[in-house]
C-alpha cells in the first residue's frame, strides 16, 4: 500500500513537471505569435514610411521581445501555481486526507480575496492586454487623461508618467480608459498660418511652398521626416485672417521639434516678403461703446 502510494505520488510530481514544461512552451509560442502579429505594419503603410520605421532608433523587435518576456513570465507563473496546486491536492488525497473541508475553506478565502482585490485583478488584466496590444511603452509620450507626459516605467499594475512640469504620475492600468500615444509609428506636425485678410493668397502660398521645399531639402530635417511637407492650402477664414495649413509627417517624437523649426523658417520667409500675419480683432467693451455714444 505504501509502495503503491509512493509510486502514485512520484507519477503525480512527474506529470506536474511535464505539464508545466509543455504549457510553458505553449505560452511562449502563443505570446510571441500574438505580439508579432500586433507589431506588423499595416498593409496601408507606404514602402517609404515602412523603411523609415524599420531604421528608427527604437527597434520594434526589441519592444516585442520585452513584451513577450514580461507577459510570458506572468502567464507561466499563473500556470505553475495552478498545476502545482492541483498536484498538491492530489498528493494529499493519496495520503487519505479529506479534501472537502480544505476545498471549502479555500473557496471561502478565494471569494474573500477576490472581492477585496477586484481593482488589483483589473489592473493586472488591463496591464496584460496593454502590453499584448503594444498600446505604449517606455519613452513614449502619451495622453492618458489627466496624466500627460513621457512614460518612464510600465508594469502589469502601474504606469509611471513624467509630465512637462517634472511631476511623476503613478497611474493604475485599470484606471486608463483611453490613451493617445504620440510616438507610435509616425506623427504629424500641423502648422497653421493666420495671414492678414488683405494678403494675396496665391502669392502667400508660393512663398510658403518655396520655404517648405527649402526646409525639406535640409539633410538634418530630411533624416527626421517621413514625407515632405504638404501645403494643404486655406483651411479657415474669419476674425480678419485667412488661415493656411502646412502638414509634415515625421518620425515618432520628432513632430514638436520639426514644428518649431518650420514655424521659425516660415516666419523668416514671410517677413522677407512683407507678408503680414493677422492681428486678432478684439471686441469693443460695453464701457467703451457707452462712452463713445
C-alpha atoms as a PDB file:
ATOM      1  CA  UNK A   1       0.000   0.000   0.000  1.00  0.00           C
ATOM      2  CA  UNK A   2       2.811   2.381   0.965  1.00  0.00           C
ATOM      3  CA  UNK A   3       4.782   1.420  -2.152  1.00  0.00           C
ATOM      4  CA  UNK A   4       1.711   1.999  -4.331  1.00  0.00           C
ATOM      5  CA  UNK A   5       1.084   5.443  -2.787  1.00  0.00           C
ATOM      6  CA  UNK A   6       4.740   6.378  -3.217  1.00  0.00           C
ATOM      7  CA  UNK A   7       4.660   5.387  -6.890  1.00  0.00           C
ATOM      8  CA  UNK A   8       1.451   7.391  -7.391  1.00  0.00           C
ATOM      9  CA  UNK A   9       2.990  10.462  -5.728  1.00  0.00           C
ATOM     10  CA  UNK A  10       6.088  10.204  -7.932  1.00  0.00           C
ATOM     11  CA  UNK A  11       3.864   9.897 -11.015  1.00  0.00           C
ATOM     12  CA  UNK A  12       1.837  12.955  -9.922  1.00  0.00           C
ATOM     13  CA  UNK A  13       5.009  15.026  -9.468  1.00  0.00           C
ATOM     14  CA  UNK A  14       6.429  13.917 -12.832  1.00  0.00           C
ATOM     15  CA  UNK A  15       3.139  14.651 -14.615  1.00  0.00           C
ATOM     16  CA  UNK A  16       3.004  18.095 -12.957  1.00  0.00           C
ATOM     17  CA  UNK A  17       6.551  18.916 -14.070  1.00  0.00           C
ATOM     18  CA  UNK A  18       5.889  17.725 -17.629  1.00  0.00           C
ATOM     19  CA  UNK A  19       2.602  19.654 -17.753  1.00  0.00           C
ATOM     20  CA  UNK A  20       4.324  22.831 -16.566  1.00  0.00           C
ATOM     21  CA  UNK A  21       7.055  22.461 -19.209  1.00  0.00           C
ATOM     22  CA  UNK A  22       4.557  21.804 -22.024  1.00  0.00           C
ATOM     23  CA  UNK A  23       2.210  24.622 -21.013  1.00  0.00           C
ATOM     24  CA  UNK A  24       5.176  26.981 -20.583  1.00  0.00           C
ATOM     25  CA  UNK A  25       6.285  26.192 -24.116  1.00  0.00           C
ATOM     26  CA  UNK A  26       2.777  26.723 -25.481  1.00  0.00           C
ATOM     27  CA  UNK A  27       2.506  30.055 -23.647  1.00  0.00           C
ATOM     28  CA  UNK A  28       5.825  31.212 -25.121  1.00  0.00           C
ATOM     29  CA  UNK A  29       4.720  30.306 -28.651  1.00  0.00           C
ATOM     30  CA  UNK A  30       1.296  31.907 -28.208  1.00  0.00           C
ATOM     31  CA  UNK A  31       2.640  35.181 -26.781  1.00  0.00           C
ATOM     32  CA  UNK A  32       5.310  35.535 -29.464  1.00  0.00           C
ATOM     33  CA  UNK A  33       2.737  34.937 -32.186  1.00  0.00           C
ATOM     34  CA  UNK A  34       0.306  37.463 -30.712  1.00  0.00           C
ATOM     35  CA  UNK A  35       2.980  40.120 -30.188  1.00  0.00           C
ATOM     36  CA  UNK A  36       4.434  39.604 -33.670  1.00  0.00           C
ATOM     37  CA  UNK A  37       1.036  39.921 -35.333  1.00  0.00           C
ATOM     38  CA  UNK A  38       0.310  43.104 -33.371  1.00  0.00           C
ATOM     39  CA  UNK A  39       3.708  44.559 -34.223  1.00  0.00           C
ATOM     40  CA  UNK A  40       3.479  44.141 -38.000  1.00  0.00           C
ATOM     41  CA  UNK A  41       2.977  47.252 -40.070  1.00  0.00           C
ATOM     42  CA  UNK A  42      -0.447  47.541 -41.663  1.00  0.00           C
ATOM     43  CA  UNK A  43      -0.784  46.896 -45.380  1.00  0.00           C
ATOM     44  CA  UNK A  44      -1.729  50.536 -45.868  1.00  0.00           C
ATOM     45  CA  UNK A  45       1.698  51.737 -44.687  1.00  0.00           C
ATOM     46  CA  UNK A  46       3.730  53.048 -47.601  1.00  0.00           C
ATOM     47  CA  UNK A  47       7.071  51.471 -48.532  1.00  0.00           C
ATOM     48  CA  UNK A  48       8.945  54.681 -47.801  1.00  0.00           C
ATOM     49  CA  UNK A  49       7.329  55.019 -44.395  1.00  0.00           C
ATOM     50  CA  UNK A  50       7.992  51.367 -43.557  1.00  0.00           C
ATOM     51  CA  UNK A  51      11.655  51.818 -44.463  1.00  0.00           C
ATOM     52  CA  UNK A  52      11.986  54.796 -42.124  1.00  0.00           C
ATOM     53  CA  UNK A  53      10.212  52.983 -39.296  1.00  0.00           C
ATOM     54  CA  UNK A  54      12.485  49.968 -39.674  1.00  0.00           C
ATOM     55  CA  UNK A  55      15.568  52.135 -39.299  1.00  0.00           C
ATOM     56  CA  UNK A  56      14.278  54.102 -36.314  1.00  0.00           C
ATOM     57  CA  UNK A  57      16.246  54.120 -33.071  1.00  0.00           C
ATOM     58  CA  UNK A  58      13.542  52.282 -31.154  1.00  0.00           C
ATOM     59  CA  UNK A  59      13.521  48.765 -32.576  1.00  0.00           C
ATOM     60  CA  UNK A  60      10.029  47.228 -32.815  1.00  0.00           C
ATOM     61  CA  UNK A  61      11.655  43.796 -32.439  1.00  0.00           C
ATOM     62  CA  UNK A  62      13.146  44.822 -29.093  1.00  0.00           C
ATOM     63  CA  UNK A  63       9.785  46.073 -27.833  1.00  0.00           C
ATOM     64  CA  UNK A  64       8.098  42.869 -28.983  1.00  0.00           C
ATOM     65  CA  UNK A  65      10.730  40.770 -27.205  1.00  0.00           C
ATOM     66  CA  UNK A  66      10.341  42.721 -23.947  1.00  0.00           C
ATOM     67  CA  UNK A  67       6.563  42.402 -24.034  1.00  0.00           C
ATOM     68  CA  UNK A  68       6.754  38.685 -24.794  1.00  0.00           C
ATOM     69  CA  UNK A  69       9.157  38.135 -21.884  1.00  0.00           C
ATOM     70  CA  UNK A  70       7.001  40.068 -19.386  1.00  0.00           C
ATOM     71  CA  UNK A  71       3.664  38.554 -20.366  1.00  0.00           C
ATOM     72  CA  UNK A  72       5.116  35.067 -20.740  1.00  0.00           C
ATOM     73  CA  UNK A  73       6.651  35.192 -17.252  1.00  0.00           C
ATOM     74  CA  UNK A  74       3.338  36.181 -15.669  1.00  0.00           C
ATOM     75  CA  UNK A  75       1.320  33.527 -17.502  1.00  0.00           C
ATOM     76  CA  UNK A  76       3.893  30.848 -16.712  1.00  0.00           C
ATOM     77  CA  UNK A  77       3.770  31.778 -13.023  1.00  0.00           C
ATOM     78  CA  UNK A  78      -0.026  31.521 -13.014  1.00  0.00           C
ATOM     79  CA  UNK A  79       0.119  28.162 -14.819  1.00  0.00           C
ATOM     80  CA  UNK A  80       2.714  26.851 -12.331  1.00  0.00           C
ATOM     81  CA  UNK A  81       0.566  27.853  -9.345  1.00  0.00           C
ATOM     82  CA  UNK A  82      -2.492  26.110 -10.804  1.00  0.00           C
ATOM     83  CA  UNK A  83      -0.621  22.942 -11.826  1.00  0.00           C
ATOM     84  CA  UNK A  84       1.267  22.503  -8.554  1.00  0.00           C
ATOM     85  CA  UNK A  85      -1.853  23.384  -6.573  1.00  0.00           C
ATOM     86  CA  UNK A  86      -3.752  20.561  -8.266  1.00  0.00           C
ATOM     87  CA  UNK A  87      -0.759  18.244  -7.779  1.00  0.00           C
ATOM     88  CA  UNK A  88      -0.600  19.100  -4.054  1.00  0.00           C
ATOM     89  CA  UNK A  89      -4.305  18.361  -3.583  1.00  0.00           C
ATOM     90  CA  UNK A  90      -3.941  15.065  -5.442  1.00  0.00           C
ATOM     91  CA  UNK A  91      -0.990  14.074  -3.237  1.00  0.00           C
ATOM     92  CA  UNK A  92      -2.997  14.915  -0.102  1.00  0.00           C
ATOM     93  CA  UNK A  93      -5.772  12.661  -1.389  1.00  0.00           C
ATOM     94  CA  UNK A  94      -3.205   9.864  -1.765  1.00  0.00           C
ATOM     95  CA  UNK A  95      -2.488  10.187   1.957  1.00  0.00           C
ATOM     96  CA  UNK A  96      -6.173   9.720   2.687  1.00  0.00           C
ATOM     97  CA  UNK A  97      -6.800  13.321   3.764  1.00  0.00           C
ATOM     98  CA  UNK A  98     -10.383  14.509   3.263  1.00  0.00           C
ATOM     99  CA  UNK A  99     -10.220  17.365   0.747  1.00  0.00           C
ATOM    100  CA  UNK A 100     -13.792  18.573   1.326  1.00  0.00           C
ATOM    101  CA  UNK A 101     -13.075  20.911   4.269  1.00  0.00           C
ATOM    102  CA  UNK A 102      -9.847  22.119   2.639  1.00  0.00           C
ATOM    103  CA  UNK A 103     -11.593  22.977  -0.635  1.00  0.00           C
ATOM    104  CA  UNK A 104     -14.462  24.658   1.218  1.00  0.00           C
ATOM    105  CA  UNK A 105     -12.045  26.804   3.236  1.00  0.00           C
ATOM    106  CA  UNK A 106     -10.031  27.628   0.123  1.00  0.00           C
ATOM    107  CA  UNK A 107     -13.232  28.593  -1.684  1.00  0.00           C
ATOM    108  CA  UNK A 108     -14.279  30.982   1.079  1.00  0.00           C
ATOM    109  CA  UNK A 109     -10.798  32.514   1.242  1.00  0.00           C
ATOM    110  CA  UNK A 110     -10.664  32.839  -2.541  1.00  0.00           C
ATOM    111  CA  UNK A 111     -14.050  34.549  -2.586  1.00  0.00           C
ATOM    112  CA  UNK A 112     -12.992  36.998   0.133  1.00  0.00           C
ATOM    113  CA  UNK A 113      -9.694  37.752  -1.580  1.00  0.00           C
ATOM    114  CA  UNK A 114     -11.486  38.115  -4.918  1.00  0.00           C
ATOM    115  CA  UNK A 115     -13.848  40.753  -3.538  1.00  0.00           C
ATOM    116  CA  UNK A 116     -11.022  42.584  -1.798  1.00  0.00           C
ATOM    117  CA  UNK A 117      -8.660  42.522  -4.769  1.00  0.00           C
ATOM    118  CA  UNK A 118     -11.029  43.333  -7.626  1.00  0.00           C
ATOM    119  CA  UNK A 119      -9.159  46.513  -8.526  1.00  0.00           C
ATOM    120  CA  UNK A 120      -5.833  44.656  -8.382  1.00  0.00           C
ATOM    121  CA  UNK A 121      -7.079  41.969 -10.771  1.00  0.00           C
ATOM    122  CA  UNK A 122      -8.485  44.675 -13.044  1.00  0.00           C
ATOM    123  CA  UNK A 123      -5.113  46.457 -13.071  1.00  0.00           C
ATOM    124  CA  UNK A 124      -3.238  43.251 -13.938  1.00  0.00           C
ATOM    125  CA  UNK A 125      -5.629  42.305 -16.746  1.00  0.00           C
ATOM    126  CA  UNK A 126      -5.542  45.831 -18.184  1.00  0.00           C
ATOM    127  CA  UNK A 127      -1.738  45.851 -17.990  1.00  0.00           C
ATOM    128  CA  UNK A 128      -1.501  42.478 -19.706  1.00  0.00           C
ATOM    129  CA  UNK A 129      -3.730  43.500 -22.622  1.00  0.00           C
ATOM    130  CA  UNK A 130      -1.919  46.834 -22.857  1.00  0.00           C
ATOM    131  CA  UNK A 131       1.390  45.016 -23.306  1.00  0.00           C
ATOM    132  CA  UNK A 132      -0.003  42.457 -25.749  1.00  0.00           C
ATOM    133  CA  UNK A 133      -1.510  45.204 -27.915  1.00  0.00           C
ATOM    134  CA  UNK A 134       1.579  47.439 -27.560  1.00  0.00           C
ATOM    135  CA  UNK A 135      -0.543  50.471 -26.720  1.00  0.00           C
ATOM    136  CA  UNK A 136       2.525  52.297 -25.369  1.00  0.00           C
ATOM    137  CA  UNK A 137       5.976  51.653 -23.947  1.00  0.00           C
ATOM    138  CA  UNK A 138       8.819  53.297 -22.049  1.00  0.00           C
ATOM    139  CA  UNK A 139       9.855  56.549 -23.747  1.00  0.00           C
ATOM    140  CA  UNK A 140       6.506  57.142 -25.462  1.00  0.00           C
ATOM    141  CA  UNK A 141       4.654  60.420 -24.939  1.00  0.00           C
ATOM    142  CA  UNK A 142       1.041  59.653 -24.044  1.00  0.00           C
ATOM    143  CA  UNK A 143      -2.192  61.387 -23.077  1.00  0.00           C
ATOM    144  CA  UNK A 144      -3.957  59.209 -20.503  1.00  0.00           C
ATOM    145  CA  UNK A 145      -6.474  61.765 -19.292  1.00  0.00           C
ATOM    146  CA  UNK A 146      -5.046  63.896 -16.502  1.00  0.00           C
ATOM    147  CA  UNK A 147      -1.622  62.276 -16.876  1.00  0.00           C
ATOM    148  CA  UNK A 148       0.086  63.663 -19.983  1.00  0.00           C
ATOM    149  CA  UNK A 149       3.802  63.147 -20.477  1.00  0.00           C
ATOM    150  CA  UNK A 150       6.583  60.637 -21.111  1.00  0.00           C
ATOM    151  CA  UNK A 151       6.252  57.036 -19.942  1.00  0.00           C
ATOM    152  CA  UNK A 152       9.112  56.179 -17.575  1.00  0.00           C
ATOM    153  CA  UNK A 153       8.045  52.706 -16.443  1.00  0.00           C
ATOM    154  CA  UNK A 154       5.377  50.149 -17.299  1.00  0.00           C
ATOM    155  CA  UNK A 155       4.395  47.224 -15.080  1.00  0.00           C
ATOM    156  CA  UNK A 156       1.368  44.968 -15.109  1.00  0.00           C
ATOM    157  CA  UNK A 157      -0.203  47.040 -12.325  1.00  0.00           C
ATOM    158  CA  UNK A 158       1.005  50.638 -12.737  1.00  0.00           C
ATOM    159  CA  UNK A 159       2.214  53.000 -15.460  1.00  0.00           C
ATOM    160  CA  UNK A 160       4.514  55.850 -14.394  1.00  0.00           C
ATOM    161  CA  UNK A 161       4.318  59.051 -16.463  1.00  0.00           C
ATOM    162  CA  UNK A 162       6.578  62.129 -16.137  1.00  0.00           C
ATOM    163  CA  UNK A 163       4.676  65.301 -17.083  1.00  0.00           C
ATOM    164  CA  UNK A 164       6.027  68.535 -18.594  1.00  0.00           C
ATOM    165  CA  UNK A 165       6.476  70.127 -15.152  1.00  0.00           C
ATOM    166  CA  UNK A 166       8.560  67.197 -13.904  1.00  0.00           C
ATOM    167  CA  UNK A 167       5.817  65.589 -11.828  1.00  0.00           C
ATOM    168  CA  UNK A 168       5.740  61.789 -11.754  1.00  0.00           C
ATOM    169  CA  UNK A 169       2.263  60.283 -12.143  1.00  0.00           C
ATOM    170  CA  UNK A 170       1.569  56.757 -10.891  1.00  0.00           C
ATOM    171  CA  UNK A 171      -1.465  55.614 -12.869  1.00  0.00           C
ATOM    172  CA  UNK A 172      -3.155  52.263 -12.221  1.00  0.00           C
ATOM    173  CA  UNK A 173      -3.597  50.423 -15.508  1.00  0.00           C
ATOM    174  CA  UNK A 174      -7.224  49.646 -14.686  1.00  0.00           C
ATOM    175  CA  UNK A 175      -7.972  53.383 -14.488  1.00  0.00           C
ATOM    176  CA  UNK A 176      -6.710  54.116 -18.008  1.00  0.00           C
ATOM    177  CA  UNK A 177      -9.917  54.108 -20.054  1.00  0.00           C
ATOM    178  CA  UNK A 178      -8.376  55.630 -23.162  1.00  0.00           C
ATOM    179  CA  UNK A 179      -4.858  56.597 -24.157  1.00  0.00           C
ATOM    180  CA  UNK A 180      -3.343  58.616 -27.003  1.00  0.00           C
ATOM    181  CA  UNK A 181       0.174  57.552 -27.995  1.00  0.00           C
ATOM    182  CA  UNK A 182       2.003  60.412 -29.713  1.00  0.00           C
ATOM    183  CA  UNK A 183       5.116  58.355 -30.526  1.00  0.00           C
ATOM    184  CA  UNK A 184       3.805  55.260 -32.277  1.00  0.00           C
ATOM    185  CA  UNK A 185       4.901  54.528 -35.861  1.00  0.00           C
ATOM    186  CA  UNK A 186       4.701  58.148 -37.128  1.00  0.00           C
ATOM    187  CA  UNK A 187       3.389  61.607 -36.226  1.00  0.00           C
ATOM    188  CA  UNK A 188       2.177  64.829 -37.835  1.00  0.00           C
ATOM    189  CA  UNK A 189       3.343  68.392 -37.260  1.00  0.00           C
ATOM    190  CA  UNK A 190       0.469  70.744 -38.082  1.00  0.00           C
ATOM    191  CA  UNK A 191       1.344  74.408 -38.712  1.00  0.00           C
ATOM    192  CA  UNK A 192      -1.500  76.893 -39.159  1.00  0.00           C
ATOM    193  CA  UNK A 193      -0.538  80.326 -40.519  1.00  0.00           C
ATOM    194  CA  UNK A 194      -3.184  83.035 -39.920  1.00  0.00           C
ATOM    195  CA  UNK A 195      -2.366  85.648 -42.571  1.00  0.00           C
ATOM    196  CA  UNK A 196      -3.883  89.092 -42.797  1.00  0.00           C
ATOM    197  CA  UNK A 197      -7.162  89.086 -44.714  1.00  0.00           C
ATOM    198  CA  UNK A 198      -5.825  91.647 -47.201  1.00  0.00           C
ATOM    199  CA  UNK A 199      -2.903  89.470 -48.315  1.00  0.00           C
ATOM    200  CA  UNK A 200      -2.817  87.844 -51.755  1.00  0.00           C
ATOM    201  CA  UNK A 201      -3.411  84.134 -51.018  1.00  0.00           C
ATOM    202  CA  UNK A 202      -1.769  82.887 -54.233  1.00  0.00           C
ATOM    203  CA  UNK A 203       1.396  84.899 -53.593  1.00  0.00           C
ATOM    204  CA  UNK A 204       1.483  83.792 -49.959  1.00  0.00           C
ATOM    205  CA  UNK A 205       1.153  80.127 -50.961  1.00  0.00           C
ATOM    206  CA  UNK A 206       4.034  80.489 -53.441  1.00  0.00           C
ATOM    207  CA  UNK A 207       6.264  81.930 -50.704  1.00  0.00           C
ATOM    208  CA  UNK A 208       5.230  79.204 -48.249  1.00  0.00           C
ATOM    209  CA  UNK A 209       5.818  76.439 -50.827  1.00  0.00           C
ATOM    210  CA  UNK A 210       9.344  77.697 -51.571  1.00  0.00           C
ATOM    211  CA  UNK A 211      10.052  77.925 -47.854  1.00  0.00           C
ATOM    212  CA  UNK A 212       8.894  74.395 -47.024  1.00  0.00           C
ATOM    213  CA  UNK A 213      10.771  72.956 -50.020  1.00  0.00           C
ATOM    214  CA  UNK A 214      13.959  74.631 -48.787  1.00  0.00           C
ATOM    215  CA  UNK A 215      13.229  73.307 -45.302  1.00  0.00           C
ATOM    216  CA  UNK A 216      12.748  69.711 -46.523  1.00  0.00           C
ATOM    217  CA  UNK A 217      15.993  69.811 -48.537  1.00  0.00           C
ATOM    218  CA  UNK A 218      17.987  70.315 -45.337  1.00  0.00           C
ATOM    219  CA  UNK A 219      19.741  66.942 -44.653  1.00  0.00           C
ATOM    220  CA  UNK A 220      19.193  67.273 -40.899  1.00  0.00           C
ATOM    221  CA  UNK A 221      15.462  67.749 -41.445  1.00  0.00           C
ATOM    222  CA  UNK A 222      15.222  65.044 -44.122  1.00  0.00           C
ATOM    223  CA  UNK A 223      16.556  62.453 -41.667  1.00  0.00           C
ATOM    224  CA  UNK A 224      13.712  63.206 -39.226  1.00  0.00           C
ATOM    225  CA  UNK A 225      10.717  63.375 -41.542  1.00  0.00           C
ATOM    226  CA  UNK A 226       8.915  60.610 -43.391  1.00  0.00           C
ATOM    227  CA  UNK A 227       7.232  62.680 -46.090  1.00  0.00           C
ATOM    228  CA  UNK A 228       7.978  66.145 -47.447  1.00  0.00           C
ATOM    229  CA  UNK A 229       5.864  68.986 -46.018  1.00  0.00           C
ATOM    230  CA  UNK A 230       2.486  69.307 -47.692  1.00  0.00           C
ATOM    231  CA  UNK A 231       0.807  72.669 -48.281  1.00  0.00           C
ATOM    232  CA  UNK A 232      -2.858  71.950 -47.550  1.00  0.00           C
ATOM    233  CA  UNK A 233      -3.994  75.436 -48.590  1.00  0.00           C
ATOM    234  CA  UNK A 234      -6.653  77.624 -46.998  1.00  0.00           C
ATOM    235  CA  UNK A 235      -8.371  75.865 -44.090  1.00  0.00           C
ATOM    236  CA  UNK A 236     -10.134  78.789 -42.449  1.00  0.00           C
ATOM    237  CA  UNK A 237     -11.403  82.339 -42.949  1.00  0.00           C
ATOM    238  CA  UNK A 238     -12.506  84.540 -40.080  1.00  0.00           C
ATOM    239  CA  UNK A 239     -11.579  87.118 -37.443  1.00  0.00           C
ATOM    240  CA  UNK A 240      -9.661  89.136 -40.010  1.00  0.00           C
ATOM    241  CA  UNK A 241      -7.476  86.187 -41.029  1.00  0.00           C
ATOM    242  CA  UNK A 242      -7.004  83.682 -43.818  1.00  0.00           C
ATOM    243  CA  UNK A 243      -5.511  80.515 -42.294  1.00  0.00           C
ATOM    244  CA  UNK A 244      -3.156  78.427 -44.453  1.00  0.00           C
ATOM    245  CA  UNK A 245      -2.104  74.989 -43.184  1.00  0.00           C
ATOM    246  CA  UNK A 246       1.137  73.053 -43.670  1.00  0.00           C
ATOM    247  CA  UNK A 247       1.324  69.370 -42.678  1.00  0.00           C
ATOM    248  CA  UNK A 248       4.518  67.354 -42.121  1.00  0.00           C
ATOM    249  CA  UNK A 249       4.663  63.615 -41.401  1.00  0.00           C
ATOM    250  CA  UNK A 250       7.623  62.926 -39.112  1.00  0.00           C
ATOM    251  CA  UNK A 251       9.332  60.123 -37.282  1.00  0.00           C
ATOM    252  CA  UNK A 252       7.858  59.323 -33.852  1.00  0.00           C
ATOM    253  CA  UNK A 253       8.603  62.040 -31.308  1.00  0.00           C
ATOM    254  CA  UNK A 254      10.019  64.499 -33.865  1.00  0.00           C
ATOM    255  CA  UNK A 255       6.765  66.368 -34.548  1.00  0.00           C
ATOM    256  CA  UNK A 256       7.355  69.035 -31.902  1.00  0.00           C
ATOM    257  CA  UNK A 257      10.932  69.901 -32.904  1.00  0.00           C
ATOM    258  CA  UNK A 258      10.077  69.856 -36.617  1.00  0.00           C
ATOM    259  CA  UNK A 259       7.047  72.065 -35.949  1.00  0.00           C
ATOM    260  CA  UNK A 260       9.136  74.635 -34.060  1.00  0.00           C
ATOM    261  CA  UNK A 261      11.850  74.750 -36.720  1.00  0.00           C
ATOM    262  CA  UNK A 262       9.394  75.017 -39.603  1.00  0.00           C
ATOM    263  CA  UNK A 263       7.437  77.816 -37.910  1.00  0.00           C
ATOM    264  CA  UNK A 264      10.671  79.783 -37.458  1.00  0.00           C
ATOM    265  CA  UNK A 265      11.592  79.240 -41.118  1.00  0.00           C
ATOM    266  CA  UNK A 266       8.143  80.296 -42.329  1.00  0.00           C
ATOM    267  CA  UNK A 267       8.280  83.409 -40.113  1.00  0.00           C
ATOM    268  CA  UNK A 268      11.566  84.470 -41.722  1.00  0.00           C
ATOM    269  CA  UNK A 269      10.226  83.813 -45.231  1.00  0.00           C
ATOM    270  CA  UNK A 270       7.017  85.782 -44.641  1.00  0.00           C
ATOM    271  CA  UNK A 271       8.966  88.686 -43.127  1.00  0.00           C
ATOM    272  CA  UNK A 272      11.292  88.834 -46.153  1.00  0.00           C
ATOM    273  CA  UNK A 273       8.308  89.108 -48.491  1.00  0.00           C
ATOM    274  CA  UNK A 274       6.468  91.587 -46.223  1.00  0.00           C
ATOM    275  CA  UNK A 275       3.509  89.236 -45.850  1.00  0.00           C
ATOM    276  CA  UNK A 276       1.659  90.210 -42.707  1.00  0.00           C
ATOM    277  CA  UNK A 277       0.289  87.835 -40.110  1.00  0.00           C
ATOM    278  CA  UNK A 278      -3.253  88.628 -38.994  1.00  0.00           C
ATOM    279  CA  UNK A 279      -3.791  90.563 -35.781  1.00  0.00           C
ATOM    280  CA  UNK A 280      -6.789  89.373 -33.765  1.00  0.00           C
ATOM    281  CA  UNK A 281      -9.761  91.736 -33.743  1.00  0.00           C
ATOM    282  CA  UNK A 282     -10.679  92.460 -30.146  1.00  0.00           C
ATOM    283  CA  UNK A 283     -14.370  93.117 -29.411  1.00  0.00           C
ATOM    284  CA  UNK A 284     -15.200  96.591 -28.130  1.00  0.00           C
ATOM    285  CA  UNK A 285     -16.136  96.634 -24.446  1.00  0.00           C
ATOM    286  CA  UNK A 286     -19.565  97.805 -23.306  1.00  0.00           C
ATOM    287  CA  UNK A 287     -17.987 100.637 -21.330  1.00  0.00           C
ATOM    288  CA  UNK A 288     -16.125 101.872 -24.376  1.00  0.00           C
ATOM    289  CA  UNK A 289     -19.238 101.666 -26.524  1.00  0.00           C
ATOM    290  CA  UNK A 290     -21.265 103.650 -23.952  1.00  0.00           C
ATOM    291  CA  UNK A 291     -18.562 106.309 -23.660  1.00  0.00           C
ATOM    292  CA  UNK A 292     -18.348 106.640 -27.438  1.00  0.00           C
ATOM    293  CA  UNK A 293     -22.109 107.062 -27.608  1.00  0.00           C
END
